[in-house]
C-alpha atoms as a PDB file:
ATOM      1  CA  MET A   1      -0.328   2.038 -16.254  1.00  0.00           C
ATOM      2  CA  GLN A   2       1.983  -0.328 -14.395  1.00  0.00           C
ATOM      3  CA  VAL A   3       2.977  -0.288 -10.721  1.00  0.00           C
ATOM      4  CA  ARG A   4       4.972  -2.866  -8.784  1.00  0.00           C
ATOM      5  CA  ILE A   5       3.220  -3.924  -5.579  1.00  0.00           C
ATOM      6  CA  ASN A   6       4.939  -6.375  -3.246  1.00  0.00           C
ATOM      7  CA  GLY A   7       7.201  -7.447  -6.103  1.00  0.00           C
ATOM      8  CA  LYS A   8       4.412  -8.068  -8.646  1.00  0.00           C
ATOM      9  CA  GLN A   9       3.450  -5.965 -11.648  1.00  0.00           C
ATOM     10  CA  VAL A  10      -0.085  -4.601 -11.290  1.00  0.00           C
ATOM     11  CA  GLU A  11      -2.032  -2.868 -14.061  1.00  0.00           C
ATOM     12  CA  LEU A  12      -4.126   0.151 -13.055  1.00  0.00           C
ATOM     13  CA  ASP A  13      -6.416   2.071 -15.431  1.00  0.00           C
ATOM     14  CA  ALA A  14      -5.294   5.480 -14.210  1.00  0.00           C
ATOM     15  CA  PRO A  15      -3.433   7.166 -11.345  1.00  0.00           C
ATOM     16  CA  THR A  16      -5.140   5.897  -8.197  1.00  0.00           C
ATOM     17  CA  LEU A  17      -5.223   7.126  -4.626  1.00  0.00           C
ATOM     18  CA  LEU A  18      -3.486   4.684  -2.302  1.00  0.00           C
ATOM     19  CA  LEU A  19      -6.510   4.607   0.011  1.00  0.00           C
ATOM     20  CA  THR A  20      -8.800   3.776  -2.939  1.00  0.00           C
ATOM     21  CA  TYR A  21      -6.497   0.935  -4.002  1.00  0.00           C
ATOM     22  CA  LEU A  22      -6.446  -0.473  -0.456  1.00  0.00           C
ATOM     23  CA  GLU A  23     -10.248  -0.316  -0.284  1.00  0.00           C
ATOM     24  CA  ARG A  24     -10.474  -2.261  -3.586  1.00  0.00           C
ATOM     25  CA  LEU A  25      -8.306  -4.950  -2.007  1.00  0.00           C
ATOM     26  CA  GLY A  26     -10.487  -5.026   1.112  1.00  0.00           C
ATOM     27  CA  VAL A  27      -7.494  -4.087   3.263  1.00  0.00           C
ATOM     28  CA  ASP A  28      -8.003  -2.252   6.556  1.00  0.00           C
ATOM     29  CA  PRO A  29      -5.553   0.680   6.394  1.00  0.00           C
ATOM     30  CA  ARG A  30      -5.133   0.515  10.178  1.00  0.00           C
ATOM     31  CA  SER A  31      -3.585  -2.963   9.974  1.00  0.00           C
ATOM     32  CA  ILE A  32      -0.812  -2.273   7.458  1.00  0.00           C
ATOM     33  CA  ALA A  33       2.318  -0.264   6.795  1.00  0.00           C
ATOM     34  CA  VAL A  34       3.045   1.079   3.302  1.00  0.00           C
ATOM     35  CA  GLU A  35       6.299   1.998   1.622  1.00  0.00           C
ATOM     36  CA  HIS A  36       5.861   4.062  -1.561  1.00  0.00           C
ATOM     37  CA  ASN A  37       8.928   4.550  -3.770  1.00  0.00           C
ATOM     38  CA  GLY A  38      11.256   3.883  -0.843  1.00  0.00           C
ATOM     39  CA  GLU A  39       9.491   6.090   1.710  1.00  0.00           C
ATOM     40  CA  ILE A  40       7.251   4.951   4.562  1.00  0.00           C
ATOM     41  CA  ILE A  41       3.849   6.612   4.200  1.00  0.00           C
ATOM     42  CA  GLU A  42       2.109   7.893   7.332  1.00  0.00           C
ATOM     43  CA  ARG A  43      -1.406   6.494   7.668  1.00  0.00           C
ATOM     44  CA  ASP A  44      -2.885  10.011   7.520  1.00  0.00           C
ATOM     45  CA  ASP A  45      -1.265  10.447   4.089  1.00  0.00           C
ATOM     46  CA  TYR A  46      -2.860   7.370   2.451  1.00  0.00           C
ATOM     47  CA  GLU A  47      -5.733   9.537   1.153  1.00  0.00           C
ATOM     48  CA  ARG A  48      -3.252  12.044  -0.352  1.00  0.00           C
ATOM     49  CA  THR A  49      -0.817   9.551  -1.923  1.00  0.00           C
ATOM     50  CA  THR A  50      -1.427   8.762  -5.590  1.00  0.00           C
ATOM     51  CA  LEU A  51      -0.105   5.623  -7.276  1.00  0.00           C
ATOM     52  CA  ALA A  52       1.346   6.554 -10.672  1.00  0.00           C
ATOM     53  CA  ASP A  53       2.979   4.684 -13.556  1.00  0.00           C
ATOM     54  CA  GLY A  54       6.277   3.095 -12.509  1.00  0.00           C
ATOM     55  CA  ASP A  55       5.718   3.403  -8.745  1.00  0.00           C
ATOM     56  CA  VAL A  56       7.014   0.718  -6.396  1.00  0.00           C
ATOM     57  CA  VAL A  57       4.885  -0.100  -3.346  1.00  0.00           C
ATOM     58  CA  GLU A  58       5.358  -2.525  -0.467  1.00  0.00           C
ATOM     59  CA  ILE A  59       2.341  -3.294   1.722  1.00  0.00           C
ATOM     60  CA  VAL A  60       3.045  -5.099   4.988  1.00  0.00           C
ATOM     61  CA  ARG A  61       0.310  -6.470   7.232  1.00  0.00           C
ATOM     62  CA  MET A  62       0.678  -6.130  10.980  1.00  0.00           C
ATOM     63  CA  VAL A  63       0.449  -9.464  12.740  1.00  0.00           C
ATOM     64  CA  GLY A  64      -0.110  -9.814  16.468  1.00  0.00           C
ATOM     65  CA  GLY A  65       1.444 -12.518  18.511  1.00  0.00           C
ATOM     66  CA  GLY A  66       4.444 -13.328  20.543  1.00  0.00           C
ATOM     67  CA  LEU A  67       5.539 -15.546  23.356  1.00  0.00           C
ATOM     68  CA  ARG A  68       3.434 -16.155  26.422  1.00  0.00           C
ATOM     69  CA  ASP A  69       4.950 -16.496  29.862  1.00  0.00           C
END
């Protein structure tokens, strides 16, 4: 099955929980924001969101920083 993640086609063997996919990538779910098929997913819903054929996902990492006085 094919999903598009951050603009790239990704092949998955079967429908996959978002949280499981993030764990495979070694991504800390607390440090990202996820958009799934045009909707922002609440962090508490990562374990209930399933990636299916044709889905479009954007994963954005939070980056600290800014200007110092």
